[in-house]
Amino acid sequence: MRDTQLCHDGDPGFAEALRAGLRATAVNVSLLTTRDIEGRYHGLAVTTAVPFATMEPSMIVAVAHKASAYPAITASGMFCLNQITNQDIELLDRFCRSDLRASRFTSADWRADATGLPYLENALASFFCRVTSAQVHGDQTVFISKIEGVRLGSKSGGYDVDPLIWINGGPARLAGRVHA
């Protein structure tokens, strides 16, 4: 039996099928924050952050070279991943739009750790990471980092707040979670 929906790179419908398939993949949204060597804050929204080891706590994230925070990450070698909630859509908008860049860190919910790295006080969790290696892949760099610290926010562990999930171009809520 032949699968007529299977598309390969180079096929006429591949780009469209790939885009539709990726949009249908639910992902967690985080705000990646960093600082440059002058101490100025930079940040962007990411859906590519993935923890991948616990023996040596590690995080992997891909950042586009055109992202305004990219030079600060490469220069400082550190970043913080702030897991945001379904209540943070307005804040997410600031980190997605370049015309709102100046307002990204204006709320009173931002703090700095001992190294000056900005973190969101009311995030579900904030992971403080130091870059250990970087791999250029096309128009992005994949940063592998050691998680040097974690801060659980006041919302963490509560079942009344969901992490921000993105699917099909918009936010979604978790439904029907099983509580052990």
Protein backbone atom coordinates (compact mmCIF):
# COMPACT_ATOMS: atom_id res chain seq x y z
CA MET A 1 0.00 0.00 0.00
CA ARG A 2 1.40 3.39 -1.00
CA ASP A 3 1.19 6.32 1.44
CA THR A 4 0.14 9.29 -0.71
CA GLN A 5 0.62 11.73 2.19
CA LEU A 6 4.35 11.08 2.60
CA CYS A 7 6.46 13.98 1.31
CA HIS A 8 10.22 14.07 1.04
CA ASP A 9 12.58 17.03 0.86
CA GLY A 10 12.50 18.19 -2.74
CA ASP A 11 8.91 17.11 -3.37
CA PRO A 12 6.57 19.93 -4.52
CA GLY A 13 4.44 19.80 -1.35
CA PHE A 14 7.24 19.18 1.15
CA ALA A 15 7.59 22.73 2.51
CA GLU A 16 3.84 23.09 3.06
CA ALA A 17 3.53 19.61 4.65
CA LEU A 18 6.51 20.28 6.91
CA ARG A 19 5.08 23.64 8.04
CA ALA A 20 1.68 22.04 8.78
CA GLY A 21 3.27 19.15 10.66
CA LEU A 22 5.45 21.42 12.79
CA ARG A 23 2.54 23.76 13.56
CA ALA A 24 0.56 20.74 14.80
CA THR A 25 3.32 19.87 17.28
CA ALA A 26 2.55 21.19 20.78
CA VAL A 27 5.55 22.95 22.33
CA ASN A 28 6.34 24.70 25.58
CA VAL A 29 7.05 28.44 25.36
CA SER A 30 9.85 30.01 27.37
CA LEU A 31 11.35 33.47 27.53
CA LEU A 32 15.08 33.29 27.03
CA THR A 33 16.80 36.19 28.77
CA THR A 34 20.42 37.23 28.85
CA ARG A 35 22.60 40.27 29.33
CA ASP A 36 25.38 41.73 27.25
CA ILE A 37 28.83 42.62 28.57
CA GLU A 38 27.59 46.15 29.38
CA GLY A 39 24.81 44.68 31.53
CA ARG A 40 21.89 45.49 29.19
CA TYR A 41 19.08 42.95 29.13
CA HIS A 42 18.07 41.08 25.98
CA GLY A 43 15.49 38.38 25.38
CA LEU A 44 13.32 36.42 23.00
CA ALA A 45 10.54 33.86 23.07
CA VAL A 46 11.66 30.31 22.29
CA THR A 47 9.89 27.04 21.63
CA THR A 48 13.10 25.07 21.13
CA ALA A 49 14.34 24.67 24.73
CA VAL A 50 14.70 21.06 25.84
CA PRO A 51 16.27 19.66 29.02
CA PHE A 52 18.19 16.51 28.16
CA ALA A 53 20.28 15.25 31.08
CA THR A 54 19.99 15.08 34.84
CA MET A 55 23.34 13.54 35.82
CA GLU A 56 24.94 16.61 34.30
CA PRO A 57 21.93 18.96 34.22
CA SER A 58 21.80 20.31 30.69
CA MET A 59 19.56 22.33 28.41
CA ILE A 60 19.59 22.70 24.64
CA VAL A 61 18.12 25.66 22.77
CA ALA A 62 18.27 26.90 19.18
CA VAL A 63 18.50 30.65 18.53
CA ALA A 64 18.25 32.34 15.14
CA HIS A 65 21.28 34.40 14.16
CA LYS A 66 19.01 37.35 13.36
CA ALA A 67 17.55 37.39 16.92
CA SER A 68 18.47 40.59 18.75
CA ALA A 69 19.62 38.55 21.77
CA TYR A 70 21.95 36.30 19.75
CA PRO A 71 25.09 38.50 20.07
CA ALA A 72 24.56 38.85 23.83
CA ILE A 73 24.25 35.08 24.29
CA THR A 74 27.42 34.43 22.33
CA ALA A 75 29.35 37.19 24.16
CA SER A 76 28.18 36.44 27.71
CA GLY A 77 27.95 32.65 27.36
CA MET A 78 24.91 32.52 29.60
CA PHE A 79 21.14 32.74 29.51
CA CYS A 80 18.06 32.06 31.61
CA LEU A 81 15.03 30.13 30.39
CA ASN A 82 11.86 31.35 32.07
CA GLN A 83 8.88 29.02 31.73
CA ILE A 84 5.82 31.20 31.40
CA THR A 85 2.16 30.42 31.98
CA ASN A 86 -1.08 30.75 30.08
CA GLN A 87 -1.54 34.04 31.98
CA ASP A 88 1.55 35.60 30.35
CA ILE A 89 0.27 36.17 26.78
CA GLU A 90 0.82 39.95 26.96
CA LEU A 91 4.40 39.45 28.14
CA LEU A 92 4.96 36.89 25.38
CA ASP A 93 3.80 39.44 22.83
CA ARG A 94 6.54 41.84 23.98
CA PHE A 95 9.19 39.18 23.43
CA CYS A 96 7.87 38.24 19.98
CA ARG A 97 7.60 41.72 18.48
CA SER A 98 10.63 43.86 17.73
CA ASP A 99 8.53 47.04 17.94
CA LEU A 100 7.87 46.20 21.63
CA ARG A 101 11.51 45.37 22.44
CA ALA A 102 11.93 48.44 24.69
CA SER A 103 9.06 47.26 26.94
CA ARG A 104 10.26 43.69 27.49
CA PHE A 105 11.82 44.28 30.90
CA THR A 106 9.68 47.19 32.16
CA SER A 107 7.42 45.24 34.54
CA ALA A 108 8.29 44.96 38.21
CA ASP A 109 8.40 41.15 37.90
CA TRP A 110 11.99 41.08 36.64
CA ARG A 111 14.93 40.38 38.96
CA ALA A 112 18.63 39.69 38.44
CA ASP A 113 20.69 36.86 39.87
CA ALA A 114 24.20 37.32 41.31
CA THR A 115 25.71 37.40 37.79
CA GLY A 116 23.24 40.04 36.60
CA LEU A 117 21.22 37.56 34.52
CA PRO A 118 17.55 38.64 34.35
CA TYR A 119 14.84 36.21 35.44
CA LEU A 120 11.07 36.46 35.72
CA GLU A 121 10.07 36.31 39.37
CA ASN A 122 6.65 34.77 38.69
CA ALA A 123 7.78 32.22 36.08
CA LEU A 124 6.84 28.61 36.76
CA ALA A 125 10.56 27.88 36.76
CA SER A 126 13.71 29.69 35.68
CA PHE A 127 16.76 27.74 34.54
CA PHE A 128 20.11 29.55 34.75
CA CYS A 129 22.39 28.17 32.06
CA ARG A 130 26.03 28.52 31.02
CA VAL A 131 26.85 27.69 27.40
CA THR A 132 29.24 24.72 27.13
CA SER A 133 29.14 24.31 23.36
CA ALA A 134 27.50 25.74 20.28
CA GLN A 135 26.77 24.25 16.89
CA VAL A 136 25.87 26.40 13.91
CA HIS A 137 23.07 24.83 11.89
CA GLY A 138 21.89 26.87 8.92
CA ASP A 139 20.55 30.23 10.12
CA GLN A 140 20.57 29.19 13.81
CA THR A 141 22.98 28.15 16.51
CA VAL A 142 22.15 25.28 18.82
CA PHE A 143 23.47 26.10 22.29
CA ILE A 144 24.17 23.25 24.69
CA SER A 145 24.40 24.50 28.23
CA LYS A 146 24.91 23.36 31.78
CA ILE A 147 22.04 24.23 34.10
CA GLU A 148 23.83 25.96 36.98
CA GLY A 149 20.73 26.99 38.90
CA VAL A 150 16.98 26.65 39.00
CA ARG A 151 14.40 28.84 40.68
CA LEU A 152 10.83 27.68 41.17
CA GLY A 153 8.29 30.47 41.05
CA SER A 154 5.32 30.87 43.36
CA LYS A 155 3.03 29.42 40.65
CA SER A 156 5.10 26.25 40.30
CA GLY A 157 3.34 23.05 41.29
CA GLY A 158 -0.13 24.57 41.30
CA TYR A 159 -2.78 22.91 39.17
CA ASP A 160 -4.68 26.16 38.64
CA VAL A 161 -1.99 27.53 36.29
CA ASP A 162 -0.88 25.84 33.08
CA PRO A 163 2.46 26.27 31.34
CA LEU A 164 2.08 28.17 28.10
CA ILE A 165 1.72 25.64 25.28
CA TRP A 166 1.77 26.69 21.61
CA ILE A 167 0.14 24.71 18.82
CA ASN A 168 -1.20 25.62 15.36
CA GLY A 169 -0.02 29.22 15.65
CA GLY A 170 -1.62 30.01 19.00
CA PRO A 171 -1.75 29.32 22.72
CA ALA A 172 -3.46 26.21 24.09
CA ARG A 173 -4.36 24.92 27.53
CA LEU A 174 -3.63 21.53 28.94
CA ALA A 175 -6.87 19.61 29.39
CA GLY A 176 -7.71 16.48 31.27
CA ARG A 177 -4.45 16.19 33.15
CA VAL A 178 -4.19 13.14 35.36
CA HIS A 179 -3.01 14.01 38.87
CA ALA A 180 -1.15 11.24 40.66
